[in-house]
C-alpha atoms as a PDB file:
ATOM      1  CA  UNK A   1      -3.451 -49.199 -26.524  1.00  0.00           C
ATOM      2  CA  UNK A   2      -0.542 -48.185 -24.343  1.00  0.00           C
ATOM      3  CA  UNK A   3       1.043 -44.774 -24.811  1.00  0.00           C
ATOM      4  CA  UNK A   4       4.409 -44.467 -23.170  1.00  0.00           C
ATOM      5  CA  UNK A   5       6.489 -41.482 -22.285  1.00  0.00           C
ATOM      6  CA  UNK A   6       8.203 -39.937 -25.127  1.00  0.00           C
ATOM      7  CA  UNK A   7       5.690 -41.708 -27.771  1.00  0.00           C
ATOM      8  CA  UNK A   8       4.350 -39.044 -30.587  1.00  0.00           C
ATOM      9  CA  UNK A   9       1.239 -40.282 -29.997  1.00  0.00           C
ATOM     10  CA  UNK A  10      -0.563 -37.949 -27.606  1.00  0.00           C
ATOM     11  CA  UNK A  11      -4.221 -38.413 -28.623  1.00  0.00           C
ATOM     12  CA  UNK A  12      -6.764 -39.571 -26.266  1.00  0.00           C
ATOM     13  CA  UNK A  13      -7.249 -43.250 -25.714  1.00  0.00           C
ATOM     14  CA  UNK A  14     -10.370 -44.651 -26.706  1.00  0.00           C
ATOM     15  CA  UNK A  15     -12.805 -45.867 -23.774  1.00  0.00           C
ATOM     16  CA  UNK A  16     -10.443 -44.887 -21.087  1.00  0.00           C
ATOM     17  CA  UNK A  17     -11.141 -42.801 -18.342  1.00  0.00           C
ATOM     18  CA  UNK A  18      -8.877 -39.571 -18.476  1.00  0.00           C
ATOM     19  CA  UNK A  19      -7.436 -37.980 -15.322  1.00  0.00           C
ATOM     20  CA  UNK A  20      -8.618 -34.272 -14.448  1.00  0.00           C
ATOM     21  CA  UNK A  21      -6.368 -31.717 -12.482  1.00  0.00           C
ATOM     22  CA  UNK A  22      -6.374 -28.432 -11.237  1.00  0.00           C
ATOM     23  CA  UNK A  23      -3.605 -26.228  -9.635  1.00  0.00           C
ATOM     24  CA  UNK A  24      -4.006 -22.711  -7.700  1.00  0.00           C
ATOM     25  CA  UNK A  25      -1.379 -21.419 -10.377  1.00  0.00           C
ATOM     26  CA  UNK A  26      -4.046 -22.069 -12.924  1.00  0.00           C
ATOM     27  CA  UNK A  27      -6.947 -20.762 -11.362  1.00  0.00           C
ATOM     28  CA  UNK A  28     -10.067 -22.253 -12.652  1.00  0.00           C
ATOM     29  CA  UNK A  29      -8.496 -24.238 -15.429  1.00  0.00           C
ATOM     30  CA  UNK A  30      -8.839 -27.587 -15.608  1.00  0.00           C
ATOM     31  CA  UNK A  31      -6.448 -30.080 -17.174  1.00  0.00           C
ATOM     32  CA  UNK A  32      -7.403 -33.340 -18.614  1.00  0.00           C
ATOM     33  CA  UNK A  33      -4.908 -35.978 -19.292  1.00  0.00           C
ATOM     34  CA  UNK A  34      -3.738 -39.757 -19.200  1.00  0.00           C
ATOM     35  CA  UNK A  35      -1.160 -41.636 -17.086  1.00  0.00           C
ATOM     36  CA  UNK A  36       1.108 -42.986 -19.678  1.00  0.00           C
ATOM     37  CA  UNK A  37       4.133 -44.709 -17.627  1.00  0.00           C
ATOM     38  CA  UNK A  38       5.565 -45.444 -13.987  1.00  0.00           C
ATOM     39  CA  UNK A  39       9.192 -45.467 -14.481  1.00  0.00           C
ATOM     40  CA  UNK A  40      11.820 -45.799 -11.626  1.00  0.00           C
ATOM     41  CA  UNK A  41      14.625 -43.133 -11.893  1.00  0.00           C
ATOM     42  CA  UNK A  42      17.204 -43.709  -9.114  1.00  0.00           C
ATOM     43  CA  UNK A  43      15.231 -43.469  -5.837  1.00  0.00           C
ATOM     44  CA  UNK A  44      11.955 -42.370  -7.014  1.00  0.00           C
ATOM     45  CA  UNK A  45       9.079 -43.719  -9.357  1.00  0.00           C
ATOM     46  CA  UNK A  46       8.001 -40.908 -12.082  1.00  0.00           C
ATOM     47  CA  UNK A  47       4.408 -40.682 -13.155  1.00  0.00           C
ATOM     48  CA  UNK A  48       4.482 -39.368 -16.583  1.00  0.00           C
ATOM     49  CA  UNK A  49       0.917 -37.905 -17.595  1.00  0.00           C
ATOM     50  CA  UNK A  50       0.180 -36.533 -20.852  1.00  0.00           C
ATOM     51  CA  UNK A  51      -2.238 -33.739 -20.748  1.00  0.00           C
ATOM     52  CA  UNK A  52      -4.559 -33.306 -24.046  1.00  0.00           C
ATOM     53  CA  UNK A  53      -6.997 -30.432 -22.747  1.00  0.00           C
ATOM     54  CA  UNK A  54      -6.398 -27.529 -23.381  1.00  0.00           C
ATOM     55  CA  UNK A  55      -3.037 -28.037 -23.796  1.00  0.00           C
ATOM     56  CA  UNK A  56      -0.319 -30.727 -24.562  1.00  0.00           C
ATOM     57  CA  UNK A  57       1.905 -31.049 -21.873  1.00  0.00           C
ATOM     58  CA  UNK A  58       4.041 -33.726 -20.292  1.00  0.00           C
ATOM     59  CA  UNK A  59       3.808 -33.433 -16.792  1.00  0.00           C
ATOM     60  CA  UNK A  60       5.819 -35.741 -14.339  1.00  0.00           C
ATOM     61  CA  UNK A  61       5.885 -36.434 -10.522  1.00  0.00           C
ATOM     62  CA  UNK A  62       8.686 -37.977  -8.755  1.00  0.00           C
ATOM     63  CA  UNK A  63       7.362 -40.367  -5.903  1.00  0.00           C
ATOM     64  CA  UNK A  64       9.857 -41.245  -3.248  1.00  0.00           C
ATOM     65  CA  UNK A  65       9.287 -44.278  -1.224  1.00  0.00           C
ATOM     66  CA  UNK A  66       7.705 -42.158   1.352  1.00  0.00           C
ATOM     67  CA  UNK A  67       5.013 -40.749  -0.749  1.00  0.00           C
ATOM     68  CA  UNK A  68       4.313 -44.230  -2.169  1.00  0.00           C
ATOM     69  CA  UNK A  69       3.528 -45.596   1.038  1.00  0.00           C
ATOM     70  CA  UNK A  70       1.309 -42.207   1.970  1.00  0.00           C
ATOM     71  CA  UNK A  71      -0.600 -42.774  -1.412  1.00  0.00           C
ATOM     72  CA  UNK A  72      -1.260 -46.880  -0.382  1.00  0.00           C
ATOM     73  CA  UNK A  73      -2.181 -45.636   3.170  1.00  0.00           C
ATOM     74  CA  UNK A  74      -4.439 -43.445   1.399  1.00  0.00           C
ATOM     75  CA  UNK A  75      -6.086 -45.982  -0.905  1.00  0.00           C
ATOM     76  CA  UNK A  76      -6.537 -48.405   1.620  1.00  0.00           C
ATOM     77  CA  UNK A  77      -9.029 -46.463   3.649  1.00  0.00           C
ATOM     78  CA  UNK A  78     -12.536 -47.967   3.753  1.00  0.00           C
ATOM     79  CA  UNK A  79     -14.302 -45.117   1.750  1.00  0.00           C
ATOM     80  CA  UNK A  80     -11.530 -45.324  -1.198  1.00  0.00           C
ATOM     81  CA  UNK A  81     -11.779 -49.015  -1.326  1.00  0.00           C
ATOM     82  CA  UNK A  82     -15.141 -49.202  -1.415  1.00  0.00           C
ATOM     83  CA  UNK A  83     -15.188 -46.489  -4.338  1.00  0.00           C
ATOM     84  CA  UNK A  84     -12.693 -48.400  -6.228  1.00  0.00           C
ATOM     85  CA  UNK A  85     -14.536 -51.749  -5.966  1.00  0.00           C
ATOM     86  CA  UNK A  86     -17.862 -50.246  -6.856  1.00  0.00           C
ATOM     87  CA  UNK A  87     -16.301 -48.173 -10.184  1.00  0.00           C
ATOM     88  CA  UNK A  88     -14.262 -50.968 -11.377  1.00  0.00           C
ATOM     89  CA  UNK A  89     -15.074 -51.239 -15.119  1.00  0.00           C
ATOM     90  CA  UNK A  90     -16.473 -47.525 -15.214  1.00  0.00           C
ATOM     91  CA  UNK A  91     -14.735 -46.255 -18.311  1.00  0.00           C
ATOM     92  CA  UNK A  92     -16.645 -42.814 -18.620  1.00  0.00           C
ATOM     93  CA  UNK A  93     -17.117 -41.307 -15.080  1.00  0.00           C
ATOM     94  CA  UNK A  94     -18.704 -38.184 -14.661  1.00  0.00           C
ATOM     95  CA  UNK A  95     -16.670 -34.989 -14.254  1.00  0.00           C
ATOM     96  CA  UNK A  96     -16.044 -34.056 -10.363  1.00  0.00           C
ATOM     97  CA  UNK A  97     -17.737 -31.487  -8.768  1.00  0.00           C
ATOM     98  CA  UNK A  98     -15.717 -28.546  -7.709  1.00  0.00           C
ATOM     99  CA  UNK A  99     -12.504 -29.736  -6.226  1.00  0.00           C
END
């Protein structure tokens, strides 16, 4: 099932891994959510994330071409490529340690 930004269905997708987010502004609170969409808006790609726990928010991050190139560069690090290749198909990862 694909849930796109603006859809009323904000529930968790069965079998999919969920994103975990923390912010210094939220203290020790951890947000759990899922990526819903990546859409071009002018000179940016906007990543849409719907949080499901402990609150339901629609979080958006606007990525410039410089941001995207940095993400690609970081993904291409050997340690990150190894992680991606060894975790393909793993749908229920263990929660991360303190991050």
